[in-house]
N, C-alpha and C. Protein backbone atom coordinates (compact mmCIF):
# COMPACT_ATOMS: atom_id res chain seq x y z
N MET A 1 -4.53 12.28 -1.86
CA MET A 1 -5.59 12.50 -2.38
C MET A 1 -5.89 13.01 -3.34
N PRO A 2 -7.00 12.82 -3.88
CA PRO A 2 -6.91 13.99 -5.42
C PRO A 2 -7.33 15.20 -4.69
N LYS A 3 -7.55 16.09 -6.16
CA LYS A 3 -7.83 17.52 -5.70
C LYS A 3 -9.05 17.50 -5.34
N PRO A 4 -10.01 18.01 -4.85
CA PRO A 4 -11.74 18.29 -4.67
C PRO A 4 -11.92 19.33 -6.30
N LYS A 5 -12.87 18.73 -7.20
CA LYS A 5 -13.06 19.28 -8.25
C LYS A 5 -14.26 20.29 -7.79
N ILE A 6 -14.04 21.69 -8.36
CA ILE A 6 -15.26 23.15 -7.24
C ILE A 6 -15.47 23.39 -9.09
N TYR A 7 -17.04 23.73 -8.81
CA TYR A 7 -17.52 24.34 -10.29
C TYR A 7 -17.45 26.22 -9.49
N LEU A 8 -16.74 26.76 -10.53
CA LEU A 8 -16.76 28.03 -10.29
C LEU A 8 -18.30 29.15 -10.79
N GLU A 9 -19.38 29.42 -9.93
CA GLU A 9 -20.80 29.91 -10.46
C GLU A 9 -20.19 30.88 -10.69
N THR A 10 -20.75 32.08 -11.75
CA THR A 10 -20.91 33.25 -11.82
C THR A 10 -20.39 33.70 -11.26
N THR A 11 -20.98 33.85 -10.14
CA THR A 11 -21.11 35.21 -8.68
C THR A 11 -20.11 35.35 -8.25
N LEU A 12 -18.87 34.61 -8.58
CA LEU A 12 -17.11 34.20 -8.08
C LEU A 12 -16.63 34.94 -9.18
N PHE A 13 -16.67 35.13 -10.18
CA PHE A 13 -16.21 36.19 -11.39
C PHE A 13 -16.19 37.76 -10.75
N ASN A 14 -17.53 37.59 -10.30
CA ASN A 14 -18.06 38.95 -10.29
C ASN A 14 -17.42 39.25 -8.64
N PHE A 15 -17.18 38.74 -7.95
CA PHE A 15 -16.66 38.93 -6.43
C PHE A 15 -15.33 39.31 -6.71
N TYR A 16 -14.66 38.90 -7.56
CA TYR A 16 -13.57 38.48 -7.18
C TYR A 16 -12.84 40.23 -8.44
N VAL A 17 -12.98 40.55 -9.15
CA VAL A 17 -13.29 41.91 -9.92
C VAL A 17 -13.66 42.93 -9.10
N ASP A 18 -14.70 42.56 -7.99
CA ASP A 18 -15.45 44.39 -7.75
C ASP A 18 -14.69 44.85 -6.34
N GLU A 19 -14.20 45.57 -6.39
CA GLU A 19 -13.59 45.50 -5.10
C GLU A 19 -13.92 45.88 -4.27
N ASP A 20 -15.65 46.66 -4.22
CA ASP A 20 -16.05 46.99 -3.35
C ASP A 20 -17.25 46.11 -2.55
N ARG A 21 -17.11 44.90 -2.31
CA ARG A 21 -17.55 44.22 -1.87
C ARG A 21 -16.61 43.24 -0.24
N GLY A 22 -16.02 44.35 0.24
CA GLY A 22 -15.58 43.92 0.61
C GLY A 22 -14.19 42.30 1.58
N PHE A 23 -14.89 42.03 2.30
CA PHE A 23 -14.76 41.13 2.68
C PHE A 23 -14.97 39.80 2.06
N ALA A 24 -16.11 39.80 1.66
CA ALA A 24 -16.68 38.80 0.32
C ALA A 24 -15.44 38.86 -1.22
N HIS A 25 -15.23 39.99 -1.71
CA HIS A 25 -14.02 40.38 -2.63
C HIS A 25 -13.26 39.57 -1.86
N GLU A 26 -12.30 40.15 -0.73
CA GLU A 26 -11.23 39.55 -0.38
C GLU A 26 -11.28 37.67 -0.30
N THR A 27 -12.06 37.20 0.48
CA THR A 27 -12.15 36.09 0.17
C THR A 27 -12.14 35.42 -0.70
N THR A 28 -13.26 35.43 -2.18
CA THR A 28 -13.08 35.21 -3.03
C THR A 28 -11.49 35.31 -4.06
N ILE A 29 -10.93 36.54 -3.73
CA ILE A 29 -9.77 36.26 -4.19
C ILE A 29 -9.01 35.34 -3.54
N LEU A 30 -8.68 34.92 -1.97
CA LEU A 30 -8.38 34.24 -1.88
C LEU A 30 -8.60 32.16 -2.13
N LEU A 31 -9.78 32.45 -2.60
CA LEU A 31 -9.82 31.77 -3.20
C LEU A 31 -9.32 31.12 -4.45
N PHE A 32 -9.43 31.68 -5.41
CA PHE A 32 -8.46 31.82 -6.35
C PHE A 32 -6.81 31.70 -6.25
N ASN A 33 -6.15 32.09 -4.99
CA ASN A 33 -4.75 31.72 -4.48
C ASN A 33 -4.83 30.51 -4.61
N GLU A 34 -6.35 30.20 -4.27
CA GLU A 34 -5.80 28.24 -3.75
C GLU A 34 -5.99 27.13 -5.13
N ILE A 35 -6.76 27.65 -5.80
CA ILE A 35 -7.03 27.34 -6.99
C ILE A 35 -5.14 27.68 -8.08
N LEU A 36 -5.04 28.52 -7.36
CA LEU A 36 -3.34 28.64 -8.39
C LEU A 36 -2.15 27.70 -7.56
N GLU A 37 -2.52 27.83 -6.22
CA GLU A 37 -1.72 26.57 -5.01
C GLU A 37 -1.76 25.44 -5.60
N GLY A 38 -3.13 24.85 -6.11
CA GLY A 38 -3.23 22.94 -6.70
C GLY A 38 -3.91 22.85 -5.67
N LYS A 39 -4.80 23.70 -4.42
CA LYS A 39 -5.86 23.17 -3.51
C LYS A 39 -6.86 22.10 -4.56
N TYR A 40 -7.29 22.70 -5.41
CA TYR A 40 -8.18 22.09 -6.25
C TYR A 40 -8.05 22.54 -7.62
N SER A 41 -9.11 21.88 -8.36
CA SER A 41 -9.21 21.41 -9.68
C SER A 41 -10.42 22.12 -9.88
N ALA A 42 -10.73 23.96 -10.82
CA ALA A 42 -11.24 24.83 -10.45
C ALA A 42 -12.12 24.40 -12.38
N LEU A 43 -13.44 24.26 -12.01
CA LEU A 43 -14.31 24.12 -13.62
C LEU A 43 -15.47 25.50 -13.59
N THR A 44 -15.81 25.11 -14.28
CA THR A 44 -16.78 26.99 -15.03
C THR A 44 -17.33 25.76 -16.11
N SER A 45 -18.51 26.24 -16.61
CA SER A 45 -19.53 25.93 -17.96
C SER A 45 -19.67 27.17 -18.55
N ARG A 46 -20.05 27.00 -19.88
CA ARG A 46 -20.28 27.87 -20.89
C ARG A 46 -21.42 29.09 -20.35
N ILE A 47 -22.38 28.43 -19.28
CA ILE A 47 -23.48 29.09 -18.54
C ILE A 47 -22.92 30.13 -18.54
N VAL A 48 -21.71 29.93 -17.36
CA VAL A 48 -21.36 31.22 -17.04
C VAL A 48 -20.84 32.17 -17.61
N ILE A 49 -20.32 31.35 -19.24
CA ILE A 49 -19.66 32.82 -19.75
C ILE A 49 -20.03 33.76 -20.67
N ASP A 50 -21.60 33.00 -20.64
CA ASP A 50 -22.84 33.38 -21.10
C ASP A 50 -22.91 34.99 -20.48
N GLU A 51 -23.67 34.60 -18.77
CA GLU A 51 -23.83 35.01 -18.29
C GLU A 51 -22.79 36.30 -18.08
N LEU A 52 -21.47 36.03 -17.31
CA LEU A 52 -20.11 36.77 -17.53
C LEU A 52 -20.14 38.20 -19.38
N ASN A 53 -20.87 36.92 -20.72
CA ASN A 53 -20.29 38.22 -21.83
C ASN A 53 -21.96 39.55 -21.24
N ALA A 54 -22.65 39.14 -20.43
CA ALA A 54 -24.06 39.87 -20.62
C ALA A 54 -23.43 41.31 -19.34
N ALA A 55 -21.82 41.34 -19.36
CA ALA A 55 -21.67 42.67 -17.97
C ALA A 55 -20.88 43.80 -19.03
N PRO A 56 -20.94 44.88 -18.31
CA PRO A 56 -20.20 45.92 -18.86
C PRO A 56 -19.03 45.05 -19.89
N GLY A 57 -18.77 45.92 -20.82
CA GLY A 57 -17.41 46.24 -20.73
C GLY A 57 -15.90 44.99 -20.52
N ALA A 58 -15.30 46.50 -20.17
CA ALA A 58 -14.35 46.37 -19.29
C ALA A 58 -14.50 45.16 -17.63
N LYS A 59 -15.44 45.55 -17.12
CA LYS A 59 -15.75 44.47 -16.24
C LYS A 59 -16.04 42.70 -16.67
N ARG A 60 -17.03 42.95 -18.19
CA ARG A 60 -16.74 41.43 -18.51
C ARG A 60 -15.62 41.08 -19.54
N ASP A 61 -14.11 41.82 -19.94
CA ASP A 61 -12.95 41.37 -20.71
C ASP A 61 -12.57 41.19 -19.02
N LYS A 62 -12.24 41.93 -17.97
CA LYS A 62 -11.56 41.25 -16.45
C LYS A 62 -12.63 39.74 -16.18
N MET A 63 -13.86 39.42 -16.05
CA MET A 63 -14.09 38.72 -15.40
C MET A 63 -13.33 37.45 -16.49
N LEU A 64 -13.80 37.27 -17.93
CA LEU A 64 -13.49 35.97 -18.82
C LEU A 64 -12.03 35.90 -18.48
N ASN A 65 -11.46 37.00 -18.53
CA ASN A 65 -9.96 36.72 -18.49
C ASN A 65 -9.60 35.75 -17.34
N LEU A 66 -10.26 35.42 -16.66
CA LEU A 66 -9.49 35.35 -14.56
C LEU A 66 -10.13 33.50 -15.57
N ILE A 67 -10.54 33.08 -16.31
CA ILE A 67 -11.18 32.45 -16.69
C ILE A 67 -9.39 31.44 -17.45
N LEU A 68 -9.21 32.38 -18.41
CA LEU A 68 -7.89 32.07 -19.84
C LEU A 68 -6.62 32.29 -18.22
N GLU A 69 -6.38 33.18 -17.72
CA GLU A 69 -5.65 33.22 -16.29
C GLU A 69 -5.93 32.40 -15.61
N TYR A 70 -6.47 31.59 -15.00
CA TYR A 70 -6.75 30.80 -14.11
C TYR A 70 -6.60 29.20 -15.05
N ASP A 71 -6.68 29.53 -15.96
CA ASP A 71 -6.94 28.02 -16.74
C ASP A 71 -7.71 27.56 -16.48
N ILE A 72 -9.20 27.61 -16.26
CA ILE A 72 -10.30 26.98 -15.81
C ILE A 72 -11.48 26.21 -17.30
N PRO A 73 -10.89 25.15 -16.82
CA PRO A 73 -11.77 24.35 -17.72
C PRO A 73 -13.76 24.48 -17.88
N VAL A 74 -13.33 24.93 -18.91
CA VAL A 74 -15.29 25.29 -19.36
C VAL A 74 -16.60 23.85 -19.81
N LEU A 75 -17.07 23.44 -19.39
CA LEU A 75 -17.98 22.38 -19.34
C LEU A 75 -19.26 23.02 -19.93
N GLU A 76 -19.65 21.89 -20.98
CA GLU A 76 -21.13 22.03 -22.27
C GLU A 76 -21.91 21.78 -21.29
N THR A 77 -23.81 22.26 -21.35
CA THR A 77 -24.64 21.59 -21.24
C THR A 77 -25.03 20.24 -22.71
N ASN A 78 -25.01 19.19 -20.99
CA ASN A 78 -26.09 18.82 -22.70
C ASN A 78 -27.47 18.40 -22.48
N ASP A 79 -27.98 17.37 -23.15
CA ASP A 79 -29.58 16.48 -22.68
C ASP A 79 -29.33 16.68 -21.09
N GLU A 80 -28.69 15.73 -20.34
CA GLU A 80 -28.53 15.49 -18.72
C GLU A 80 -28.84 16.72 -18.24
N VAL A 81 -27.31 17.26 -17.96
CA VAL A 81 -27.30 18.92 -17.72
C VAL A 81 -29.34 19.26 -17.89
N VAL A 82 -29.87 19.44 -18.79
CA VAL A 82 -30.74 20.13 -19.42
C VAL A 82 -32.39 19.04 -18.10
N ARG A 83 -32.51 18.18 -18.19
CA ARG A 83 -32.79 17.23 -17.72
C ARG A 83 -33.21 17.35 -16.34
N MET A 84 -31.60 17.40 -15.20
CA MET A 84 -31.39 17.47 -14.09
C MET A 84 -31.99 19.12 -13.21
N ALA A 85 -31.91 19.81 -14.37
CA ALA A 85 -32.13 21.65 -14.40
C ALA A 85 -33.39 21.64 -13.96
N ASP A 86 -33.93 20.69 -14.75
CA ASP A 86 -35.85 20.52 -14.74
C ASP A 86 -36.39 19.90 -13.84
N LEU A 87 -35.50 18.74 -13.66
CA LEU A 87 -36.44 18.12 -12.16
C LEU A 87 -36.03 18.84 -10.89
N TYR A 88 -34.89 20.11 -10.26
CA TYR A 88 -34.82 20.53 -9.55
C TYR A 88 -35.49 22.03 -9.90
N VAL A 89 -36.07 22.23 -10.76
CA VAL A 89 -37.28 23.39 -11.14
C VAL A 89 -38.54 22.54 -10.83
N ARG A 90 -38.92 21.73 -10.83
CA ARG A 90 -40.18 20.75 -11.23
C ARG A 90 -40.63 20.74 -9.91
N ASP A 91 -39.21 20.55 -8.79
CA ASP A 91 -39.99 19.87 -7.28
C ASP A 91 -39.15 21.08 -6.29
N ASP A 92 -39.04 22.45 -6.87
CA ASP A 92 -39.38 24.09 -6.15
C ASP A 92 -38.23 23.73 -5.46
N ILE A 93 -37.06 23.55 -5.75
CA ILE A 93 -35.94 23.58 -5.14
C ILE A 93 -35.49 25.10 -6.39
N ILE A 94 -34.90 25.57 -6.69
CA ILE A 94 -34.94 26.65 -7.86
C ILE A 94 -36.10 26.87 -8.17
N PRO A 95 -36.53 27.90 -8.18
CA PRO A 95 -37.66 29.14 -8.97
C PRO A 95 -37.23 28.70 -10.22
N ALA A 96 -38.41 28.65 -10.81
CA ALA A 96 -38.60 28.44 -12.31
C ALA A 96 -37.80 29.88 -13.44
N ARG A 97 -37.95 30.55 -12.97
CA ARG A 97 -37.24 32.16 -12.86
C ARG A 97 -36.38 32.09 -13.20
N TYR A 98 -35.34 31.48 -12.19
CA TYR A 98 -34.07 31.35 -11.69
C TYR A 98 -33.24 29.65 -12.57
N ARG A 99 -34.01 29.17 -13.31
CA ARG A 99 -33.58 28.17 -14.26
C ARG A 99 -32.05 28.16 -14.49
N THR A 100 -31.77 29.26 -14.57
CA THR A 100 -29.85 29.10 -14.82
C THR A 100 -29.55 28.42 -13.88
N ASP A 101 -29.68 29.26 -12.13
CA ASP A 101 -28.99 28.33 -11.11
C ASP A 101 -29.38 26.95 -11.14
N GLY A 102 -30.30 26.24 -11.32
CA GLY A 102 -30.50 24.66 -11.64
C GLY A 102 -29.65 24.39 -12.34
N LEU A 103 -29.33 24.35 -13.90
CA LEU A 103 -27.75 24.36 -15.01
C LEU A 103 -27.01 24.26 -14.26
N HIS A 104 -26.57 25.36 -13.22
CA HIS A 104 -25.25 25.89 -12.77
C HIS A 104 -25.20 24.43 -11.30
N ILE A 105 -25.63 24.06 -11.23
CA ILE A 105 -25.78 22.98 -9.82
C ILE A 105 -26.19 21.37 -11.09
N ALA A 106 -26.80 21.60 -12.13
CA ALA A 106 -26.81 20.22 -12.48
C ALA A 106 -25.82 19.85 -13.65
N ILE A 107 -25.10 20.77 -14.04
CA ILE A 107 -23.77 20.72 -14.59
C ILE A 107 -22.85 20.25 -13.59
N ALA A 108 -22.23 20.51 -12.57
CA ALA A 108 -21.59 19.83 -11.61
C ALA A 108 -22.34 18.72 -11.09
N THR A 109 -23.32 18.46 -10.77
CA THR A 109 -23.85 17.11 -11.11
C THR A 109 -23.62 15.64 -11.85
N VAL A 110 -23.60 16.09 -13.21
CA VAL A 110 -23.83 15.56 -13.88
C VAL A 110 -22.43 15.56 -14.28
N TYR A 111 -21.06 16.44 -14.23
CA TYR A 111 -19.80 16.00 -14.67
C TYR A 111 -19.22 15.55 -13.30
N ASP A 112 -19.79 15.31 -11.86
CA ASP A 112 -19.53 14.57 -10.92
C ASP A 112 -17.79 15.34 -10.41
N LEU A 113 -18.87 16.47 -10.06
CA LEU A 113 -17.69 17.55 -9.53
C LEU A 113 -18.14 17.40 -7.75
N ASP A 114 -17.17 17.10 -6.85
CA ASP A 114 -17.55 17.39 -5.63
C ASP A 114 -18.38 18.81 -5.10
N MET A 115 -18.01 20.09 -5.71
CA MET A 115 -18.17 21.43 -4.72
C MET A 115 -18.82 22.28 -6.29
N VAL A 116 -19.57 22.99 -5.99
CA VAL A 116 -20.63 24.07 -5.89
C VAL A 116 -20.29 25.27 -5.23
N ILE A 117 -19.45 26.20 -5.88
CA ILE A 117 -18.61 27.01 -4.89
C ILE A 117 -19.88 28.69 -5.36
N SER A 118 -20.51 29.01 -5.06
CA SER A 118 -21.25 30.33 -5.36
C SER A 118 -21.04 31.54 -4.01
N MET A 119 -21.40 32.98 -4.62
CA MET A 119 -21.97 33.90 -3.98
C MET A 119 -23.46 34.26 -4.08
N ASN A 120 -24.09 33.11 -4.40
CA ASN A 120 -25.60 33.39 -5.04
C ASN A 120 -25.98 32.59 -3.47
N PHE A 121 -26.71 33.42 -2.81
CA PHE A 121 -26.83 32.62 -1.68
C PHE A 121 -28.80 33.23 -1.24
N ALA A 122 -28.98 33.56 -2.86
CA ALA A 122 -30.87 33.37 -2.56
C ALA A 122 -31.35 32.43 -3.33
N HIS A 123 -30.41 31.09 -4.16
CA HIS A 123 -30.88 30.14 -4.80
C HIS A 123 -29.82 29.02 -4.69
N ILE A 124 -28.69 29.63 -4.28
CA ILE A 124 -28.19 28.31 -4.57
C ILE A 124 -27.24 27.96 -2.97
N VAL A 125 -26.49 28.84 -2.51
CA VAL A 125 -26.25 28.29 -0.98
C VAL A 125 -27.07 28.69 -0.12
N LYS A 126 -27.93 27.95 0.15
CA LYS A 126 -28.89 28.06 1.36
C LYS A 126 -29.81 26.41 1.70
N ARG A 127 -29.48 26.19 2.68
CA ARG A 127 -30.34 25.03 3.48
C ARG A 127 -30.91 24.38 2.47
N LYS A 128 -32.23 24.92 2.03
CA LYS A 128 -33.27 24.24 1.03
C LYS A 128 -32.86 23.63 0.11
N THR A 129 -32.00 23.86 -0.71
CA THR A 129 -31.38 24.12 -2.03
C THR A 129 -30.71 22.80 -2.09
N LYS A 130 -29.61 22.59 -0.46
CA LYS A 130 -28.70 21.65 -0.67
C LYS A 130 -29.52 20.25 0.16
N ILE A 131 -31.12 20.63 0.44
CA ILE A 131 -31.64 19.64 1.13
C ILE A 131 -32.15 19.10 -0.20
N GLY A 132 -32.70 19.58 -1.01
CA GLY A 132 -33.50 18.92 -2.09
C GLY A 132 -32.52 19.06 -3.11
N ILE A 133 -31.48 19.28 -3.63
CA ILE A 133 -30.22 18.80 -4.45
C ILE A 133 -30.10 17.52 -4.16
N GLY A 134 -29.16 17.54 -2.88
CA GLY A 134 -28.75 16.17 -2.50
C GLY A 134 -30.14 14.74 -2.47
N SER A 135 -31.64 15.51 -2.39
CA SER A 135 -32.68 14.28 -3.16
C SER A 135 -32.93 14.00 -3.89
N ILE A 136 -33.25 15.17 -4.99
CA ILE A 136 -33.24 14.69 -5.98
C ILE A 136 -32.00 13.93 -6.58
N ASN A 137 -30.43 14.36 -6.24
CA ASN A 137 -29.48 13.82 -7.11
C ASN A 137 -29.25 12.46 -6.39
N THR A 138 -29.94 11.37 -5.80
CA THR A 138 -29.56 10.34 -4.62
C THR A 138 -31.05 9.65 -5.58
N LEU A 139 -32.03 10.27 -5.72
CA LEU A 139 -32.89 9.29 -6.57
C LEU A 139 -33.16 8.72 -8.21
N ASN A 140 -31.71 10.18 -8.59
CA ASN A 140 -31.57 10.16 -10.15
C ASN A 140 -30.50 8.99 -10.05
N GLY A 141 -29.53 8.96 -9.31
CA GLY A 141 -28.62 7.89 -9.32
C GLY A 141 -26.95 8.62 -9.59
N TYR A 142 -27.20 9.77 -9.15
CA TYR A 142 -26.28 11.28 -8.65
C TYR A 142 -25.62 10.90 -7.01
N ARG A 143 -24.58 10.70 -6.83
CA ARG A 143 -24.11 11.66 -5.49
C ARG A 143 -24.68 12.63 -4.93
N ALA A 144 -24.97 13.53 -3.67
CA ALA A 144 -25.10 14.91 -2.72
C ALA A 144 -24.02 15.11 -3.42
N LEU A 145 -24.38 17.01 -3.54
CA LEU A 145 -23.46 17.69 -4.09
C LEU A 145 -22.95 18.68 -2.88
N GLU A 146 -21.85 19.02 -2.22
CA GLU A 146 -21.96 19.89 -1.66
C GLU A 146 -21.68 21.65 -2.34
N ILE A 147 -22.33 22.35 -1.91
CA ILE A 147 -22.49 23.69 -2.01
C ILE A 147 -22.53 24.59 -0.85
N TYR A 148 -21.29 25.46 -1.83
CA TYR A 148 -20.51 26.63 -0.08
C TYR A 148 -20.28 27.43 -1.07
N SER A 149 -19.99 28.33 -0.34
CA SER A 149 -19.85 29.60 -0.36
C SER A 149 -18.19 29.54 -0.14
N PRO A 150 -18.07 30.82 -0.69
CA PRO A 150 -15.96 30.96 -1.04
C PRO A 150 -14.94 30.49 1.09
N MET A 151 -16.27 31.66 2.12
CA MET A 151 -15.82 31.66 3.26
C MET A 151 -15.36 29.86 4.16
N GLU A 152 -16.54 29.16 3.58
CA GLU A 152 -16.46 28.15 3.72
C GLU A 152 -15.50 27.34 3.43
N ILE A 153 -14.77 27.15 2.01
CA ILE A 153 -13.50 26.57 2.43
C ILE A 153 -12.36 27.31 1.90
N VAL A 154 -12.64 28.25 2.25
CA VAL A 154 -10.96 28.99 1.55
C VAL A 154 -10.00 28.20 3.46
N GLU A 155 -8.98 27.78 3.18
CA GLU A 155 -8.45 27.62 4.33
C GLU A 155 -6.19 28.55 4.29
N ASN A 156 -6.34 29.43 3.04
CA ASN A 156 -5.49 30.06 4.02
C ASN A 156 -5.88 31.59 4.54
N GLU A 157 -5.19 32.26 5.48
CA GLU A 157 -5.63 33.75 5.95
C GLU A 157 -4.73 34.49 5.64
N ARG A 158 -4.95 35.89 5.19
CA ARG A 158 -4.48 36.42 4.92
C ARG A 158 -3.80 37.16 6.57
N ASP A 159 -2.55 37.59 6.07
CA ASP A 159 -1.13 37.75 6.66
C ASP A 159 -1.74 39.38 6.85
């Protein structure tokens, strides 16, 4: 069985380096360990890199280094990604003010990834988004996309 292809959204890098996040920090580290073990094929995007570059110096460097350390390929935005994100906003699945969240989902959709993994519970990991994205994707010839938090997919428990 092929490894699931997962899209790592910006919040995962933030939660990985932010040790004050408690259980969420620990679970994010477990996810990255499972990536290292070869359970998932992880990808991210230029949009994530742009968002990480906006962080303060030391934190920014730690987050960007995770992409290198885990050898995570970076996907580019294209016209189809923009079109799909615009549909998510048009249909009020993603608020216009947070269009970047739609771009994250659209990249995973257009590049035919299996899942988006995020800690963004405001606009990405929520029932309304999952249902709406599934409908829009299907109507536009794409498959419904799975959207999860790391807590929902990590299988290895810490001893």
